[in-house]
Amino acid sequence: MVAARTLTVTAHWDEQARQWWAHNDEIPLTTEAETFDALVERVLAIAPEIMELNGVAAPGEAMTIEVTAVRSHEVSLPAA
């Protein structure tokens, strides 16, 4: 049995827009949603069709989609 290929989709928090956005250049996929859970649902809903249209996976091939999150915040230290 051949192990399923894993594709990593990276999710980022956009503080200004107050929403998550995700991308993967291999599929290629870019999408957004208001919550991380909604973003994961969106990715899982659209990724199979995008992979098929772009010849990323063969029909019937099993793929693992890993959604990783990056959320950065700037903090200020108190003055000495």
N, C-alpha and C. Protein backbone atom coordinates (compact mmCIF):
# COMPACT_ATOMS: atom_id res chain seq x y z
N MET A 1 0.84 -1.18 0.00
CA MET A 1 0.00 0.00 0.00
C MET A 1 0.89 1.25 0.00
N VAL A 2 0.58 2.18 -0.87
CA VAL A 2 1.33 3.43 -0.98
C VAL A 2 0.72 4.46 -0.04
N ALA A 3 1.59 5.14 0.72
CA ALA A 3 1.11 6.16 1.64
C ALA A 3 0.58 7.36 0.86
N ALA A 4 -0.45 8.00 1.40
CA ALA A 4 -1.03 9.18 0.77
C ALA A 4 -0.02 10.32 0.80
N ARG A 5 0.01 11.07 -0.28
CA ARG A 5 0.86 12.26 -0.33
C ARG A 5 0.28 13.33 0.58
N THR A 6 1.15 14.12 1.19
CA THR A 6 0.70 15.20 2.07
C THR A 6 0.99 16.54 1.41
N LEU A 7 -0.03 17.38 1.35
CA LEU A 7 0.12 18.76 0.89
C LEU A 7 -0.14 19.67 2.07
N THR A 8 0.74 20.61 2.29
CA THR A 8 0.58 21.54 3.39
C THR A 8 0.04 22.86 2.88
N VAL A 9 -1.07 23.29 3.45
CA VAL A 9 -1.68 24.58 3.15
C VAL A 9 -1.41 25.45 4.37
N THR A 10 -0.81 26.60 4.15
CA THR A 10 -0.46 27.49 5.26
C THR A 10 -1.51 28.57 5.43
N ALA A 11 -2.04 28.68 6.65
CA ALA A 11 -3.05 29.69 6.97
C ALA A 11 -2.39 30.82 7.75
N HIS A 12 -2.78 32.04 7.43
CA HIS A 12 -2.24 33.24 8.09
C HIS A 12 -3.40 34.09 8.59
N TRP A 13 -3.19 34.74 9.71
CA TRP A 13 -4.18 35.67 10.25
C TRP A 13 -3.86 37.06 9.74
N ASP A 14 -4.84 37.73 9.15
CA ASP A 14 -4.70 39.12 8.70
C ASP A 14 -5.42 39.99 9.72
N GLU A 15 -4.65 40.62 10.58
CA GLU A 15 -5.21 41.42 11.68
C GLU A 15 -6.05 42.57 11.15
N GLN A 16 -5.58 43.23 10.11
CA GLN A 16 -6.29 44.38 9.57
C GLN A 16 -7.65 43.96 8.98
N ALA A 17 -7.67 42.88 8.24
CA ALA A 17 -8.91 42.41 7.63
C ALA A 17 -9.75 41.58 8.59
N ARG A 18 -9.13 41.16 9.71
CA ARG A 18 -9.78 40.34 10.73
C ARG A 18 -10.29 39.02 10.14
N GLN A 19 -9.44 38.37 9.36
CA GLN A 19 -9.81 37.08 8.80
C GLN A 19 -8.56 36.25 8.50
N TRP A 20 -8.79 34.95 8.33
CA TRP A 20 -7.74 34.02 7.97
C TRP A 20 -7.67 33.91 6.46
N TRP A 21 -6.46 33.72 5.93
CA TRP A 21 -6.30 33.42 4.50
C TRP A 21 -5.28 32.30 4.39
N ALA A 22 -5.40 31.51 3.35
CA ALA A 22 -4.54 30.34 3.19
C ALA A 22 -4.07 30.23 1.75
N HIS A 23 -2.90 29.58 1.61
CA HIS A 23 -2.39 29.37 0.26
C HIS A 23 -1.53 28.11 0.19
N ASN A 24 -1.42 27.59 -1.01
CA ASN A 24 -0.50 26.52 -1.34
C ASN A 24 -0.16 26.71 -2.80
N ASP A 25 1.12 26.87 -3.10
CA ASP A 25 1.54 27.13 -4.48
C ASP A 25 1.49 25.89 -5.36
N GLU A 26 1.62 24.71 -4.77
CA GLU A 26 1.64 23.47 -5.55
C GLU A 26 0.28 23.14 -6.15
N ILE A 27 -0.81 23.44 -5.41
CA ILE A 27 -2.14 23.02 -5.88
C ILE A 27 -2.59 23.81 -7.12
N PRO A 28 -2.54 25.06 -7.34
CA PRO A 28 -2.41 26.22 -6.46
C PRO A 28 -3.77 26.60 -5.84
N LEU A 29 -3.71 27.07 -4.61
CA LEU A 29 -4.92 27.39 -3.87
C LEU A 29 -4.70 28.65 -3.05
N THR A 30 -5.68 29.53 -3.08
CA THR A 30 -5.72 30.70 -2.20
C THR A 30 -7.19 30.93 -1.84
N THR A 31 -7.46 31.10 -0.54
CA THR A 31 -8.83 31.33 -0.10
C THR A 31 -8.82 32.04 1.25
N GLU A 32 -9.97 32.45 1.72
CA GLU A 32 -10.06 33.16 3.00
C GLU A 32 -11.36 32.83 3.71
N ALA A 33 -11.38 33.09 5.02
CA ALA A 33 -12.59 32.88 5.83
C ALA A 33 -12.43 33.66 7.14
N GLU A 34 -13.54 33.86 7.83
CA GLU A 34 -13.52 34.65 9.06
C GLU A 34 -12.94 33.90 10.25
N THR A 35 -13.06 32.57 10.26
CA THR A 35 -12.51 31.78 11.37
C THR A 35 -11.59 30.71 10.81
N PHE A 36 -10.70 30.20 11.68
CA PHE A 36 -9.79 29.15 11.25
C PHE A 36 -10.57 27.89 10.86
N ASP A 37 -11.56 27.51 11.65
CA ASP A 37 -12.35 26.32 11.34
C ASP A 37 -13.07 26.46 10.00
N ALA A 38 -13.62 27.64 9.74
CA ALA A 38 -14.29 27.88 8.46
C ALA A 38 -13.28 27.82 7.32
N LEU A 39 -12.07 28.29 7.56
CA LEU A 39 -11.03 28.24 6.54
C LEU A 39 -10.67 26.80 6.21
N VAL A 40 -10.51 25.97 7.23
CA VAL A 40 -10.19 24.56 7.00
C VAL A 40 -11.31 23.90 6.19
N GLU A 41 -12.56 24.16 6.55
CA GLU A 41 -13.69 23.61 5.80
C GLU A 41 -13.64 24.05 4.34
N ARG A 42 -13.34 25.30 4.12
CA ARG A 42 -13.26 25.85 2.75
C ARG A 42 -12.15 25.18 1.98
N VAL A 43 -10.97 25.05 2.59
CA VAL A 43 -9.84 24.40 1.92
C VAL A 43 -10.20 22.97 1.52
N LEU A 44 -10.79 22.22 2.46
CA LEU A 44 -11.14 20.83 2.17
C LEU A 44 -12.23 20.72 1.10
N ALA A 45 -13.08 21.73 1.00
CA ALA A 45 -14.15 21.72 0.01
C ALA A 45 -13.63 22.01 -1.40
N ILE A 46 -12.68 22.93 -1.54
CA ILE A 46 -12.25 23.35 -2.87
C ILE A 46 -10.96 22.68 -3.35
N ALA A 47 -10.15 22.15 -2.46
CA ALA A 47 -8.86 21.58 -2.85
C ALA A 47 -8.98 20.43 -3.85
N PRO A 48 -9.88 19.45 -3.65
CA PRO A 48 -9.94 18.34 -4.62
C PRO A 48 -10.18 18.80 -6.07
N GLU A 49 -11.11 19.71 -6.26
CA GLU A 49 -11.40 20.18 -7.62
C GLU A 49 -10.21 20.94 -8.20
N ILE A 50 -9.57 21.79 -7.38
CA ILE A 50 -8.41 22.55 -7.85
C ILE A 50 -7.27 21.59 -8.22
N MET A 51 -7.05 20.55 -7.39
CA MET A 51 -5.99 19.58 -7.69
C MET A 51 -6.29 18.84 -8.99
N GLU A 52 -7.55 18.47 -9.21
CA GLU A 52 -7.93 17.79 -10.44
C GLU A 52 -7.72 18.68 -11.65
N LEU A 53 -8.20 19.92 -11.56
CA LEU A 53 -8.08 20.85 -12.69
C LEU A 53 -6.63 21.16 -13.06
N ASN A 54 -5.73 21.11 -12.07
CA ASN A 54 -4.33 21.44 -12.30
C ASN A 54 -3.43 20.21 -12.43
N GLY A 55 -4.03 19.02 -12.47
CA GLY A 55 -3.25 17.80 -12.66
C GLY A 55 -2.30 17.48 -11.52
N VAL A 56 -2.64 17.93 -10.32
CA VAL A 56 -1.79 17.71 -9.15
C VAL A 56 -1.92 16.27 -8.64
N ALA A 57 -3.10 15.68 -8.79
CA ALA A 57 -3.34 14.33 -8.31
C ALA A 57 -4.13 13.56 -9.37
N ALA A 58 -3.90 12.26 -9.40
CA ALA A 58 -4.63 11.40 -10.34
C ALA A 58 -6.01 11.08 -9.76
N PRO A 59 -6.99 10.85 -10.63
CA PRO A 59 -8.32 10.48 -10.14
C PRO A 59 -8.23 9.26 -9.21
N GLY A 60 -8.89 9.35 -8.06
CA GLY A 60 -8.88 8.27 -7.09
C GLY A 60 -7.69 8.26 -6.15
N GLU A 61 -6.70 9.12 -6.40
CA GLU A 61 -5.52 9.18 -5.53
C GLU A 61 -5.90 9.74 -4.17
N ALA A 62 -5.36 9.15 -3.10
CA ALA A 62 -5.61 9.66 -1.74
C ALA A 62 -4.58 10.74 -1.43
N MET A 63 -5.05 11.84 -0.88
CA MET A 63 -4.17 12.96 -0.51
C MET A 63 -4.48 13.35 0.94
N THR A 64 -3.45 13.70 1.67
CA THR A 64 -3.63 14.26 3.00
C THR A 64 -3.38 15.76 2.88
N ILE A 65 -4.33 16.56 3.35
CA ILE A 65 -4.17 18.01 3.34
C ILE A 65 -3.96 18.45 4.78
N GLU A 66 -2.82 19.03 5.02
CA GLU A 66 -2.44 19.51 6.35
C GLU A 66 -2.55 21.03 6.34
N VAL A 67 -3.39 21.60 7.20
CA VAL A 67 -3.53 23.05 7.29
C VAL A 67 -2.79 23.51 8.53
N THR A 68 -1.76 24.31 8.33
CA THR A 68 -0.98 24.83 9.45
C THR A 68 -1.27 26.32 9.59
N ALA A 69 -1.26 26.82 10.82
CA ALA A 69 -1.63 28.21 11.08
C ALA A 69 -0.43 29.01 11.54
N VAL A 70 -0.37 30.25 11.07
CA VAL A 70 0.63 31.22 11.49
C VAL A 70 -0.13 32.46 11.94
N ARG A 71 0.06 32.83 13.19
CA ARG A 71 -0.59 34.05 13.70
C ARG A 71 0.44 34.80 14.51
N SER A 72 0.87 35.94 14.01
CA SER A 72 1.92 36.73 14.65
C SER A 72 1.33 38.00 15.24
N HIS A 73 1.89 38.39 16.37
CA HIS A 73 1.46 39.63 17.03
C HIS A 73 2.69 40.40 17.47
N GLU A 74 2.63 41.70 17.31
CA GLU A 74 3.72 42.56 17.78
C GLU A 74 3.39 42.97 19.21
N VAL A 75 4.37 42.88 20.08
CA VAL A 75 4.20 43.29 21.47
C VAL A 75 5.27 44.30 21.82
N SER A 76 4.96 45.20 22.74
CA SER A 76 5.92 46.19 23.20
C SER A 76 6.29 45.88 24.64
N LEU A 77 7.55 45.94 24.92
CA LEU A 77 8.04 45.74 26.28
C LEU A 77 7.94 47.05 27.06
N PRO A 78 7.70 46.99 28.36
CA PRO A 78 7.66 48.22 29.13
C PRO A 78 9.02 48.92 29.12
N ALA A 79 8.97 50.23 29.15
CA ALA A 79 10.22 51.02 29.17
C ALA A 79 10.93 50.80 30.49
N ALA A 80 12.22 50.84 30.45
CA ALA A 80 13.03 50.59 31.66
C ALA A 80 12.94 51.75 32.61
